Amino acid sequence: MAQECRIPHTVLCPARTPTCQTSPYLEAIRRQLAVRTRRLNDTGALTPGPPTASGQSDDPDTHDGPARPVVQLLLCRYLAEHAVEHLRCVAQTRHRHRCPHPIRALTGPAGTWRLLPTGPRRGQLALPDVLMAIYDLGHLPYRGQLRWRAQRCPQHDAAPGAADLALAEWQPFDPLLHAAHIRTRLPHPEARRPGSR
């Protein structure tokens, strides 16, 4: 009968601090596992763990995507002020309040989460070749992309005479200034909306 060696998960897991003294051999294994885990995270092959007991994920981002996503529309990239599902219409209602509707339509085509290179802007120093999660709206018709850029819900887009009560909450994305908002993996696959690609 062959001998078995069982090593507790906490000793090898690169995300945890070992509770006991480890040998150089175990430290080398921990480093290899950390590199492998990072590669799987970066390619989107490994999804984050389930929500904790408090109901919140360890990831500060939402299930649909980052708390402040990078959105690509009209051949430009913008940093959104809120998660995609929380971007509200800026138009004024008949009661002189801001429209409560989201700009993401519940039916019809939606954006596509993609891993795309950060790419330098004109006049910037070259950045390391990093893939980042982008909510791509480039496949929408031109009119649909204009609606997103104006930050209007489908109802107010159909009524162009409605005044805006707030400014659109887009910032031109700069990979150097907004490096803290770059996400290198796609959102949870199970959380993507039906109808999104």
C-alpha atoms as a PDB file:
ATOM      1  CA  MET A   1       0.000   0.000   0.000  1.00  0.00           C
ATOM      2  CA  ALA A   2       1.407   3.342  -1.069  1.00  0.00           C
ATOM      3  CA  GLN A   3       1.802   6.105   1.457  1.00  0.00           C
ATOM      4  CA  GLU A   4      -0.423   9.137   1.075  1.00  0.00           C
ATOM      5  CA  CYS A   5       0.481  12.681   1.905  1.00  0.00           C
ATOM      6  CA  ARG A   6      -2.351  15.115   2.520  1.00  0.00           C
ATOM      7  CA  ILE A   7      -1.560  18.803   2.641  1.00  0.00           C
ATOM      8  CA  PRO A   8      -4.281  21.141   3.928  1.00  0.00           C
ATOM      9  CA  HIS A   9      -5.674  23.626   1.415  1.00  0.00           C
ATOM     10  CA  THR A  10      -4.666  26.609   3.561  1.00  0.00           C
ATOM     11  CA  VAL A  11      -0.980  25.635   3.302  1.00  0.00           C
ATOM     12  CA  LEU A  12      -0.909  25.647  -0.530  1.00  0.00           C
ATOM     13  CA  CYS A  13      -3.567  28.230  -1.413  1.00  0.00           C
ATOM     14  CA  PRO A  14      -1.823  31.378  -2.734  1.00  0.00           C
ATOM     15  CA  ALA A  15      -4.757  33.536  -1.594  1.00  0.00           C
ATOM     16  CA  ARG A  16      -4.282  32.599   2.065  1.00  0.00           C
ATOM     17  CA  THR A  17      -1.528  33.120   4.560  1.00  0.00           C
ATOM     18  CA  PRO A  18      -0.249  29.765   5.801  1.00  0.00           C
ATOM     19  CA  THR A  19      -0.781  29.179   9.505  1.00  0.00           C
ATOM     20  CA  CYS A  20       2.381  27.079   9.879  1.00  0.00           C
ATOM     21  CA  GLN A  21       6.021  27.267   8.803  1.00  0.00           C
ATOM     22  CA  THR A  22       6.402  26.062   5.205  1.00  0.00           C
ATOM     23  CA  SER A  23       9.420  24.576   3.499  1.00  0.00           C
ATOM     24  CA  PRO A  24      11.112  26.143   0.453  1.00  0.00           C
ATOM     25  CA  TYR A  25       9.591  23.326  -1.647  1.00  0.00           C
ATOM     26  CA  LEU A  26       6.043  24.254  -0.531  1.00  0.00           C
ATOM     27  CA  GLU A  27       6.758  27.956  -1.117  1.00  0.00           C
ATOM     28  CA  ALA A  28       7.786  27.140  -4.704  1.00  0.00           C
ATOM     29  CA  ILE A  29       4.517  25.250  -5.217  1.00  0.00           C
ATOM     30  CA  ARG A  30       2.546  28.197  -3.784  1.00  0.00           C
ATOM     31  CA  ARG A  31       4.277  30.578  -6.244  1.00  0.00           C
ATOM     32  CA  GLN A  32       3.509  28.260  -9.189  1.00  0.00           C
ATOM     33  CA  LEU A  33      -0.140  28.045  -8.137  1.00  0.00           C
ATOM     34  CA  ALA A  34      -0.329  31.838  -7.772  1.00  0.00           C
ATOM     35  CA  VAL A  35       0.996  32.350 -11.327  1.00  0.00           C
ATOM     36  CA  ARG A  36      -1.376  29.719 -12.753  1.00  0.00           C
ATOM     37  CA  THR A  37      -4.367  31.198 -10.910  1.00  0.00           C
ATOM     38  CA  ARG A  38      -3.526  34.691 -12.163  1.00  0.00           C
ATOM     39  CA  ARG A  39      -3.305  33.460 -15.770  1.00  0.00           C
ATOM     40  CA  LEU A  40      -6.685  31.723 -15.475  1.00  0.00           C
ATOM     41  CA  ASN A  41      -8.225  34.881 -13.951  1.00  0.00           C
ATOM     42  CA  ASP A  42      -6.793  37.088 -16.700  1.00  0.00           C
ATOM     43  CA  THR A  43      -8.203  34.911 -19.482  1.00  0.00           C
ATOM     44  CA  GLY A  44     -11.620  34.650 -17.814  1.00  0.00           C
ATOM     45  CA  ALA A  45     -11.332  30.858 -17.463  1.00  0.00           C
ATOM     46  CA  LEU A  46     -11.582  31.027 -13.677  1.00  0.00           C
ATOM     47  CA  THR A  47     -14.554  32.844 -12.205  1.00  0.00           C
ATOM     48  CA  PRO A  48     -14.529  34.396  -8.731  1.00  0.00           C
ATOM     49  CA  GLY A  49     -15.871  32.375  -5.851  1.00  0.00           C
ATOM     50  CA  PRO A  50     -19.515  32.408  -4.771  1.00  0.00           C
ATOM     51  CA  PRO A  51     -20.837  35.203  -2.567  1.00  0.00           C
ATOM     52  CA  THR A  52     -19.848  35.078   1.077  1.00  0.00           C
ATOM     53  CA  ALA A  53     -22.266  34.481   3.951  1.00  0.00           C
ATOM     54  CA  SER A  54     -23.109  38.185   4.056  1.00  0.00           C
ATOM     55  CA  GLY A  55     -24.458  37.859   0.507  1.00  0.00           C
ATOM     56  CA  GLN A  56     -21.721  40.020  -0.969  1.00  0.00           C
ATOM     57  CA  SER A  57     -19.023  38.798  -3.303  1.00  0.00           C
ATOM     58  CA  ASP A  58     -15.386  39.374  -2.368  1.00  0.00           C
ATOM     59  CA  ASP A  59     -15.139  41.368  -5.593  1.00  0.00           C
ATOM     60  CA  PRO A  60     -16.213  45.027  -5.168  1.00  0.00           C
ATOM     61  CA  ASP A  61     -17.706  44.947  -8.643  1.00  0.00           C
ATOM     62  CA  THR A  62     -21.296  43.987  -9.335  1.00  0.00           C
ATOM     63  CA  HIS A  63     -22.412  40.679 -10.826  1.00  0.00           C
ATOM     64  CA  ASP A  64     -23.154  42.298 -14.202  1.00  0.00           C
ATOM     65  CA  GLY A  65     -19.816  44.010 -14.389  1.00  0.00           C
ATOM     66  CA  PRO A  66     -17.435  46.516 -12.854  1.00  0.00           C
ATOM     67  CA  ALA A  67     -18.730  49.251 -10.552  1.00  0.00           C
ATOM     68  CA  ARG A  68     -17.299  51.790 -13.037  1.00  0.00           C
ATOM     69  CA  PRO A  69     -17.042  50.029 -16.402  1.00  0.00           C
ATOM     70  CA  VAL A  70     -15.181  51.097 -19.491  1.00  0.00           C
ATOM     71  CA  VAL A  71     -17.729  51.378 -22.318  1.00  0.00           C
ATOM     72  CA  GLN A  72     -16.855  51.495 -26.006  1.00  0.00           C
ATOM     73  CA  LEU A  73     -19.255  53.373 -28.273  1.00  0.00           C
ATOM     74  CA  LEU A  74     -18.957  55.587 -31.336  1.00  0.00           C
ATOM     75  CA  LEU A  75     -15.349  54.363 -31.735  1.00  0.00           C
ATOM     76  CA  CYS A  76     -14.375  55.906 -28.384  1.00  0.00           C
ATOM     77  CA  ARG A  77     -13.950  54.547 -24.877  1.00  0.00           C
ATOM     78  CA  TYR A  78     -15.584  56.127 -21.859  1.00  0.00           C
ATOM     79  CA  LEU A  79     -15.440  55.491 -18.134  1.00  0.00           C
ATOM     80  CA  ALA A  80     -18.979  55.279 -16.780  1.00  0.00           C
ATOM     81  CA  GLU A  81     -19.883  56.798 -13.440  1.00  0.00           C
ATOM     82  CA  HIS A  82     -21.919  53.728 -12.379  1.00  0.00           C
ATOM     83  CA  ALA A  83     -22.285  50.043 -13.244  1.00  0.00           C
ATOM     84  CA  VAL A  84     -23.994  49.449 -16.604  1.00  0.00           C
ATOM     85  CA  GLU A  85     -27.280  48.349 -15.012  1.00  0.00           C
ATOM     86  CA  HIS A  86     -27.339  51.494 -12.795  1.00  0.00           C
ATOM     87  CA  LEU A  87     -26.794  54.104 -15.512  1.00  0.00           C
ATOM     88  CA  ARG A  88     -29.960  56.242 -15.405  1.00  0.00           C
ATOM     89  CA  CYS A  89     -31.580  58.364 -18.046  1.00  0.00           C
ATOM     90  CA  VAL A  90     -30.754  62.083 -17.697  1.00  0.00           C
ATOM     91  CA  ALA A  91     -34.028  63.366 -19.193  1.00  0.00           C
ATOM     92  CA  GLN A  92     -36.601  65.338 -17.222  1.00  0.00           C
ATOM     93  CA  THR A  93     -40.032  63.788 -16.616  1.00  0.00           C
ATOM     94  CA  ARG A  94     -43.365  65.632 -16.804  1.00  0.00           C
ATOM     95  CA  HIS A  95     -43.148  66.112 -13.011  1.00  0.00           C
ATOM     96  CA  ARG A  96     -39.790  67.884 -13.355  1.00  0.00           C
ATOM     97  CA  HIS A  97     -37.798  65.018 -11.830  1.00  0.00           C
ATOM     98  CA  ARG A  98     -34.993  62.996 -13.330  1.00  0.00           C
ATOM     99  CA  CYS A  99     -36.188  59.936 -15.226  1.00  0.00           C
ATOM    100  CA  PRO A 100     -35.808  56.786 -13.063  1.00  0.00           C
ATOM    101  CA  HIS A 101     -35.391  54.416 -16.029  1.00  0.00           C
ATOM    102  CA  PRO A 102     -32.061  52.761 -16.895  1.00  0.00           C
ATOM    103  CA  ILE A 103     -30.520  53.492 -20.268  1.00  0.00           C
ATOM    104  CA  ARG A 104     -29.963  49.782 -20.869  1.00  0.00           C
ATOM    105  CA  ALA A 105     -33.136  48.537 -22.541  1.00  0.00           C
ATOM    106  CA  LEU A 106     -34.680  45.416 -21.019  1.00  0.00           C
ATOM    107  CA  THR A 107     -35.436  44.084 -24.506  1.00  0.00           C
ATOM    108  CA  GLY A 108     -33.476  44.371 -27.698  1.00  0.00           C
ATOM    109  CA  PRO A 109     -29.744  44.204 -28.300  1.00  0.00           C
ATOM    110  CA  ALA A 110     -27.361  44.802 -25.447  1.00  0.00           C
ATOM    111  CA  GLY A 111     -23.664  45.427 -25.182  1.00  0.00           C
ATOM    112  CA  THR A 112     -21.107  42.653 -25.241  1.00  0.00           C
ATOM    113  CA  TRP A 113     -18.430  42.172 -22.583  1.00  0.00           C
ATOM    114  CA  ARG A 114     -15.095  41.673 -24.332  1.00  0.00           C
ATOM    115  CA  LEU A 115     -11.440  41.516 -23.409  1.00  0.00           C
ATOM    116  CA  LEU A 116      -9.704  44.147 -25.546  1.00  0.00           C
ATOM    117  CA  PRO A 117      -6.224  45.694 -25.344  1.00  0.00           C
ATOM    118  CA  THR A 118      -5.888  48.941 -23.416  1.00  0.00           C
ATOM    119  CA  GLY A 119      -3.962  50.562 -26.243  1.00  0.00           C
ATOM    120  CA  PRO A 120      -2.292  53.974 -25.842  1.00  0.00           C
ATOM    121  CA  ARG A 121      -4.082  57.137 -26.866  1.00  0.00           C
ATOM    122  CA  ARG A 122      -2.435  59.435 -29.345  1.00  0.00           C
ATOM    123  CA  GLY A 123       0.569  61.138 -27.776  1.00  0.00           C
ATOM    124  CA  GLN A 124       0.811  58.742 -24.788  1.00  0.00           C
ATOM    125  CA  LEU A 125       3.655  56.499 -23.863  1.00  0.00           C
ATOM    126  CA  ALA A 126       3.104  52.868 -24.784  1.00  0.00           C
ATOM    127  CA  LEU A 127       1.509  50.822 -22.013  1.00  0.00           C
ATOM    128  CA  PRO A 128       2.145  47.155 -21.297  1.00  0.00           C
ATOM    129  CA  ASP A 129      -0.041  45.012 -23.544  1.00  0.00           C
ATOM    130  CA  VAL A 130      -2.940  44.383 -21.133  1.00  0.00           C
ATOM    131  CA  LEU A 131      -6.359  43.017 -21.997  1.00  0.00           C
ATOM    132  CA  MET A 132      -9.211  44.687 -20.145  1.00  0.00           C
ATOM    133  CA  ALA A 133     -12.946  44.065 -19.840  1.00  0.00           C
ATOM    134  CA  ILE A 134     -14.916  46.513 -21.976  1.00  0.00           C
ATOM    135  CA  TYR A 135     -18.673  46.794 -22.419  1.00  0.00           C
ATOM    136  CA  ASP A 136     -18.693  47.068 -26.211  1.00  0.00           C
ATOM    137  CA  LEU A 137     -21.672  48.764 -27.868  1.00  0.00           C
ATOM    138  CA  GLY A 138     -19.995  49.014 -31.281  1.00  0.00           C
ATOM    139  CA  HIS A 139     -22.347  46.449 -32.849  1.00  0.00           C
ATOM    140  CA  LEU A 140     -25.413  48.632 -32.137  1.00  0.00           C
ATOM    141  CA  PRO A 141     -26.747  50.880 -34.895  1.00  0.00           C
ATOM    142  CA  TYR A 142     -25.413  54.431 -34.954  1.00  0.00           C
ATOM    143  CA  ARG A 143     -28.692  55.782 -33.519  1.00  0.00           C
ATOM    144  CA  GLY A 144     -28.509  53.307 -30.611  1.00  0.00           C
ATOM    145  CA  GLN A 145     -24.945  54.357 -29.813  1.00  0.00           C
ATOM    146  CA  LEU A 146     -26.004  58.023 -29.875  1.00  0.00           C
ATOM    147  CA  ARG A 147     -28.775  57.169 -27.380  1.00  0.00           C
ATOM    148  CA  TRP A 148     -26.222  55.605 -25.017  1.00  0.00           C
ATOM    149  CA  ARG A 149     -23.846  58.568 -25.430  1.00  0.00           C
ATOM    150  CA  ALA A 150     -26.667  61.018 -24.614  1.00  0.00           C
ATOM    151  CA  GLN A 151     -27.553  58.725 -21.668  1.00  0.00           C
ATOM    152  CA  ARG A 152     -31.268  58.471 -22.459  1.00  0.00           C
ATOM    153  CA  CYS A 153     -33.689  55.608 -21.939  1.00  0.00           C
ATOM    154  CA  PRO A 154     -35.563  54.290 -25.029  1.00  0.00           C
ATOM    155  CA  GLN A 155     -38.743  56.188 -24.018  1.00  0.00           C
ATOM    156  CA  HIS A 156     -37.019  59.591 -23.832  1.00  0.00           C
ATOM    157  CA  ASP A 157     -34.931  58.889 -26.913  1.00  0.00           C
ATOM    158  CA  ALA A 158     -38.201  58.548 -28.833  1.00  0.00           C
ATOM    159  CA  ALA A 159     -39.254  62.001 -27.487  1.00  0.00           C
ATOM    160  CA  PRO A 160     -36.349  64.244 -28.520  1.00  0.00           C
ATOM    161  CA  GLY A 161     -38.025  67.417 -27.187  1.00  0.00           C
ATOM    162  CA  ALA A 162     -37.582  66.353 -23.547  1.00  0.00           C
ATOM    163  CA  ALA A 163     -35.048  68.457 -21.673  1.00  0.00           C
ATOM    164  CA  ASP A 164     -32.118  66.928 -19.824  1.00  0.00           C
ATOM    165  CA  LEU A 165     -32.104  67.380 -16.056  1.00  0.00           C
ATOM    166  CA  ALA A 166     -28.531  66.129 -15.554  1.00  0.00           C
ATOM    167  CA  LEU A 167     -25.322  65.891 -17.525  1.00  0.00           C
ATOM    168  CA  ALA A 168     -24.324  62.594 -19.117  1.00  0.00           C
ATOM    169  CA  GLU A 169     -21.948  60.814 -16.726  1.00  0.00           C
ATOM    170  CA  TRP A 170     -19.220  59.754 -19.150  1.00  0.00           C
ATOM    171  CA  GLN A 171     -15.527  60.557 -18.892  1.00  0.00           C
ATOM    172  CA  PRO A 172     -13.201  59.956 -21.839  1.00  0.00           C
ATOM    173  CA  PHE A 173     -11.234  56.883 -20.777  1.00  0.00           C
ATOM    174  CA  ASP A 174      -7.521  57.364 -20.224  1.00  0.00           C
ATOM    175  CA  PRO A 175      -5.676  54.124 -19.374  1.00  0.00           C
ATOM    176  CA  LEU A 176      -3.082  56.019 -17.335  1.00  0.00           C
ATOM    177  CA  LEU A 177      -5.470  58.197 -15.321  1.00  0.00           C
ATOM    178  CA  HIS A 178      -8.111  55.484 -14.883  1.00  0.00           C
ATOM    179  CA  ALA A 179      -5.802  52.514 -14.275  1.00  0.00           C
ATOM    180  CA  ALA A 180      -7.654  51.700 -11.030  1.00  0.00           C
ATOM    181  CA  HIS A 181     -10.797  50.934 -13.065  1.00  0.00           C
ATOM    182  CA  ILE A 182      -9.168  48.497 -15.492  1.00  0.00           C
ATOM    183  CA  ARG A 183     -10.525  44.955 -14.988  1.00  0.00           C
ATOM    184  CA  THR A 184      -8.584  42.107 -16.571  1.00  0.00           C
ATOM    185  CA  ARG A 185     -11.354  39.508 -16.521  1.00  0.00           C
ATOM    186  CA  LEU A 186     -14.893  39.337 -17.798  1.00  0.00           C
ATOM    187  CA  PRO A 187     -17.878  39.544 -15.445  1.00  0.00           C
ATOM    188  CA  HIS A 188     -19.509  36.359 -14.160  1.00  0.00           C
ATOM    189  CA  PRO A 189     -20.862  34.380 -17.141  1.00  0.00           C
ATOM    190  CA  GLU A 190     -23.954  33.263 -15.208  1.00  0.00           C
ATOM    191  CA  ALA A 191     -24.882  36.875 -14.473  1.00  0.00           C
ATOM    192  CA  ARG A 192     -25.005  37.997 -18.090  1.00  0.00           C
ATOM    193  CA  ARG A 193     -28.441  38.962 -19.261  1.00  0.00           C
ATOM    194  CA  PRO A 194     -30.334  36.803 -21.737  1.00  0.00           C
ATOM    195  CA  GLY A 195     -30.086  38.573 -25.065  1.00  0.00           C
ATOM    196  CA  SER A 196     -26.532  39.771 -24.496  1.00  0.00           C
ATOM    197  CA  ARG A 197     -23.882  38.123 -26.586  1.00  0.00           C
END
